[in-house]
């Protein structure tokens, strides 16, 4: 059995708001936090010889999917 903890997705932490027209949005400060998390992940992948840019891109896609799903649920 593995002692590894599940990865905590930054996309689950970002507050998603809805405007008066029902569109989902996030604050600029939260966008900055997301970009910093992406940069941190790229640095961590860069230090791991088993990872490459494809690995980093897959992680970014997963975060984008998380945010997109939450935005869809927020606007329903």
N, C-alpha and C. Protein backbone atom coordinates (compact mmCIF):
# COMPACT_ATOMS: atom_id res chain seq x y z
N UNK A 1 0.85 -1.16 0.00
CA UNK A 1 0.00 0.00 0.00
C UNK A 1 0.90 1.23 0.00
N UNK A 2 0.51 2.26 -0.75
CA UNK A 2 1.30 3.47 -0.88
C UNK A 2 0.96 4.47 0.21
N UNK A 3 2.00 5.18 0.68
CA UNK A 3 1.80 6.24 1.67
C UNK A 3 1.59 7.59 1.01
N UNK A 4 1.59 7.63 -0.31
CA UNK A 4 1.43 8.90 -1.02
C UNK A 4 0.03 9.45 -0.84
N UNK A 5 -0.02 10.75 -0.61
CA UNK A 5 -1.30 11.45 -0.49
C UNK A 5 -1.80 11.82 -1.89
N UNK A 6 -3.12 11.89 -2.07
CA UNK A 6 -3.63 12.32 -3.36
C UNK A 6 -3.20 13.76 -3.64
N UNK A 7 -2.99 14.06 -4.90
CA UNK A 7 -2.58 15.41 -5.28
C UNK A 7 -3.74 16.37 -5.07
N UNK A 8 -3.45 17.47 -4.40
CA UNK A 8 -4.46 18.49 -4.17
C UNK A 8 -4.44 19.44 -5.37
N UNK A 9 -5.54 19.51 -6.09
CA UNK A 9 -5.64 20.31 -7.30
C UNK A 9 -5.89 21.78 -6.96
N UNK A 10 -5.06 22.66 -7.50
CA UNK A 10 -5.27 24.09 -7.31
C UNK A 10 -6.60 24.50 -7.94
N UNK A 11 -7.00 23.80 -9.00
CA UNK A 11 -8.27 24.10 -9.65
C UNK A 11 -9.48 23.91 -8.76
N UNK A 12 -9.33 23.12 -7.72
CA UNK A 12 -10.42 22.93 -6.75
C UNK A 12 -10.44 24.02 -5.69
N UNK A 13 -9.37 24.78 -5.56
CA UNK A 13 -9.27 25.79 -4.52
C UNK A 13 -9.71 27.18 -5.00
N UNK A 14 -9.66 27.41 -6.29
CA UNK A 14 -9.94 28.74 -6.82
C UNK A 14 -11.44 29.02 -6.74
N UNK A 15 -11.82 30.13 -6.08
CA UNK A 15 -13.24 30.47 -6.02
C UNK A 15 -13.75 30.88 -7.40
N UNK A 16 -14.88 30.33 -7.79
CA UNK A 16 -15.51 30.69 -9.05
C UNK A 16 -16.78 31.46 -8.72
N UNK A 17 -16.91 32.62 -9.32
CA UNK A 17 -18.07 33.47 -9.08
C UNK A 17 -18.93 33.50 -10.33
N UNK A 18 -20.15 33.96 -10.17
CA UNK A 18 -21.07 34.10 -11.29
C UNK A 18 -21.51 35.56 -11.36
N UNK A 19 -21.44 36.15 -12.58
CA UNK A 19 -21.88 37.53 -12.72
C UNK A 19 -23.39 37.59 -12.92
N UNK A 20 -23.93 38.80 -13.10
CA UNK A 20 -25.38 38.97 -13.23
C UNK A 20 -25.96 38.28 -14.46
N UNK A 21 -25.11 38.03 -15.45
CA UNK A 21 -25.56 37.35 -16.67
C UNK A 21 -25.38 35.84 -16.61
N UNK A 22 -24.94 35.33 -15.46
CA UNK A 22 -24.79 33.89 -15.28
C UNK A 22 -23.47 33.33 -15.79
N UNK A 23 -22.53 34.21 -16.15
CA UNK A 23 -21.23 33.73 -16.63
C UNK A 23 -20.28 33.52 -15.46
N UNK A 24 -19.52 32.45 -15.53
CA UNK A 24 -18.54 32.16 -14.48
C UNK A 24 -17.28 32.97 -14.71
N UNK A 25 -16.66 33.41 -13.60
CA UNK A 25 -15.40 34.14 -13.69
C UNK A 25 -14.59 33.94 -12.42
N UNK A 26 -13.28 34.21 -12.52
CA UNK A 26 -12.41 34.17 -11.36
C UNK A 26 -11.65 35.49 -11.27
N UNK A 27 -11.28 35.87 -10.06
CA UNK A 27 -10.57 37.13 -9.83
C UNK A 27 -9.15 37.06 -10.40
N UNK A 28 -8.63 38.23 -10.77
CA UNK A 28 -7.27 38.31 -11.29
C UNK A 28 -6.25 37.77 -10.29
N UNK A 29 -6.45 38.04 -9.01
CA UNK A 29 -5.51 37.54 -8.00
C UNK A 29 -5.51 36.00 -7.97
N UNK A 30 -6.66 35.40 -8.24
CA UNK A 30 -6.72 33.93 -8.30
C UNK A 30 -6.06 33.40 -9.56
N UNK A 31 -6.16 34.15 -10.65
CA UNK A 31 -5.45 33.77 -11.87
C UNK A 31 -3.95 33.79 -11.61
N UNK A 32 -3.48 34.80 -10.90
CA UNK A 32 -2.06 34.88 -10.56
C UNK A 32 -1.62 33.68 -9.72
N UNK A 33 -2.46 33.29 -8.75
CA UNK A 33 -2.14 32.10 -7.95
C UNK A 33 -2.08 30.84 -8.81
N UNK A 34 -2.98 30.73 -9.76
CA UNK A 34 -2.98 29.58 -10.66
C UNK A 34 -1.70 29.56 -11.49
N UNK A 35 -1.32 30.70 -12.04
CA UNK A 35 -0.10 30.76 -12.84
C UNK A 35 1.14 30.43 -12.01
N UNK A 36 1.16 30.89 -10.75
CA UNK A 36 2.29 30.56 -9.88
C UNK A 36 2.33 29.06 -9.57
N UNK A 37 1.17 28.45 -9.41
CA UNK A 37 1.12 27.00 -9.18
C UNK A 37 1.64 26.25 -10.41
N UNK A 38 1.28 26.73 -11.59
CA UNK A 38 1.78 26.11 -12.83
C UNK A 38 3.30 26.24 -12.90
N UNK A 39 3.81 27.44 -12.60
CA UNK A 39 5.26 27.64 -12.62
C UNK A 39 5.97 26.73 -11.63
N UNK A 40 5.40 26.63 -10.42
CA UNK A 40 5.99 25.75 -9.39
C UNK A 40 6.01 24.31 -9.88
N UNK A 41 4.90 23.87 -10.48
CA UNK A 41 4.85 22.50 -11.00
C UNK A 41 5.87 22.27 -12.09
N UNK A 42 6.06 23.25 -12.98
CA UNK A 42 7.06 23.12 -14.05
C UNK A 42 8.46 23.00 -13.47
N UNK A 43 8.74 23.80 -12.43
CA UNK A 43 10.06 23.69 -11.80
C UNK A 43 10.25 22.31 -11.17
N UNK A 44 9.21 21.80 -10.52
CA UNK A 44 9.31 20.48 -9.91
C UNK A 44 9.50 19.40 -10.97
N UNK A 45 8.76 19.50 -12.07
CA UNK A 45 8.94 18.54 -13.16
C UNK A 45 10.32 18.70 -13.80
N UNK A 46 10.81 19.94 -13.86
CA UNK A 46 12.13 20.18 -14.45
C UNK A 46 13.25 19.53 -13.66
N UNK A 47 13.04 19.35 -12.36
CA UNK A 47 14.05 18.72 -11.51
C UNK A 47 13.96 17.20 -11.53
N UNK A 48 12.94 16.66 -12.17
CA UNK A 48 12.73 15.22 -12.22
C UNK A 48 13.10 14.71 -13.61
N UNK A 49 14.18 13.92 -13.72
CA UNK A 49 14.61 13.46 -15.04
C UNK A 49 13.58 12.54 -15.74
N UNK A 50 12.64 12.02 -14.98
CA UNK A 50 11.63 11.14 -15.59
C UNK A 50 10.49 11.94 -16.21
N UNK A 51 10.46 13.26 -16.03
CA UNK A 51 9.39 14.10 -16.54
C UNK A 51 9.91 15.02 -17.63
N UNK A 52 9.00 15.44 -18.49
CA UNK A 52 9.34 16.38 -19.55
C UNK A 52 8.20 17.37 -19.72
N UNK A 53 8.26 18.19 -20.77
CA UNK A 53 7.21 19.18 -21.00
C UNK A 53 5.86 18.54 -21.26
N UNK A 54 5.83 17.33 -21.79
CA UNK A 54 4.56 16.63 -22.01
C UNK A 54 3.90 16.31 -20.67
N UNK A 55 4.69 15.95 -19.68
CA UNK A 55 4.17 15.67 -18.35
C UNK A 55 3.59 16.94 -17.73
N UNK A 56 4.32 18.05 -17.86
CA UNK A 56 3.85 19.32 -17.33
C UNK A 56 2.56 19.74 -18.04
N UNK A 57 2.52 19.59 -19.36
CA UNK A 57 1.33 19.97 -20.11
C UNK A 57 0.12 19.13 -19.70
N UNK A 58 0.32 17.87 -19.43
CA UNK A 58 -0.79 17.00 -18.99
C UNK A 58 -1.32 17.47 -17.63
N UNK A 59 -0.43 17.88 -16.74
CA UNK A 59 -0.85 18.38 -15.43
C UNK A 59 -1.64 19.68 -15.58
N UNK A 60 -1.19 20.56 -16.48
CA UNK A 60 -1.90 21.82 -16.72
C UNK A 60 -3.28 21.55 -17.31
N UNK A 61 -3.36 20.61 -18.24
CA UNK A 61 -4.66 20.23 -18.81
C UNK A 61 -5.61 19.72 -17.74
N UNK A 62 -5.11 18.95 -16.80
CA UNK A 62 -5.95 18.43 -15.72
C UNK A 62 -6.50 19.57 -14.87
N UNK A 63 -5.65 20.55 -14.55
CA UNK A 63 -6.12 21.70 -13.78
C UNK A 63 -7.17 22.49 -14.57
N UNK A 64 -6.94 22.67 -15.87
CA UNK A 64 -7.90 23.39 -16.70
C UNK A 64 -9.23 22.64 -16.75
N UNK A 65 -9.19 21.32 -16.86
CA UNK A 65 -10.42 20.53 -16.86
C UNK A 65 -11.17 20.68 -15.54
N UNK A 66 -10.42 20.70 -14.43
CA UNK A 66 -11.03 20.86 -13.11
C UNK A 66 -11.77 22.19 -13.03
N UNK A 67 -11.11 23.26 -13.45
CA UNK A 67 -11.73 24.59 -13.39
C UNK A 67 -12.92 24.66 -14.33
N UNK A 68 -12.79 24.12 -15.53
CA UNK A 68 -13.88 24.15 -16.50
C UNK A 68 -15.12 23.42 -15.98
N UNK A 69 -14.92 22.25 -15.40
CA UNK A 69 -16.05 21.49 -14.83
C UNK A 69 -16.73 22.26 -13.70
N UNK A 70 -15.91 22.87 -12.84
CA UNK A 70 -16.49 23.65 -11.74
C UNK A 70 -17.25 24.86 -12.28
N UNK A 71 -16.74 25.50 -13.32
CA UNK A 71 -17.45 26.65 -13.91
C UNK A 71 -18.77 26.24 -14.51
N UNK A 72 -18.81 25.09 -15.16
CA UNK A 72 -20.06 24.59 -15.73
C UNK A 72 -21.07 24.33 -14.62
N UNK A 73 -20.62 23.69 -13.55
CA UNK A 73 -21.53 23.40 -12.42
C UNK A 73 -22.01 24.70 -11.76
N UNK A 74 -21.16 25.71 -11.71
CA UNK A 74 -21.51 26.99 -11.08
C UNK A 74 -22.59 27.72 -11.86
N UNK A 75 -22.64 27.54 -13.16
CA UNK A 75 -23.57 28.29 -14.00
C UNK A 75 -24.85 27.52 -14.31
N UNK A 76 -25.00 26.36 -13.75
CA UNK A 76 -26.24 25.58 -13.99
C UNK A 76 -27.30 25.95 -13.01
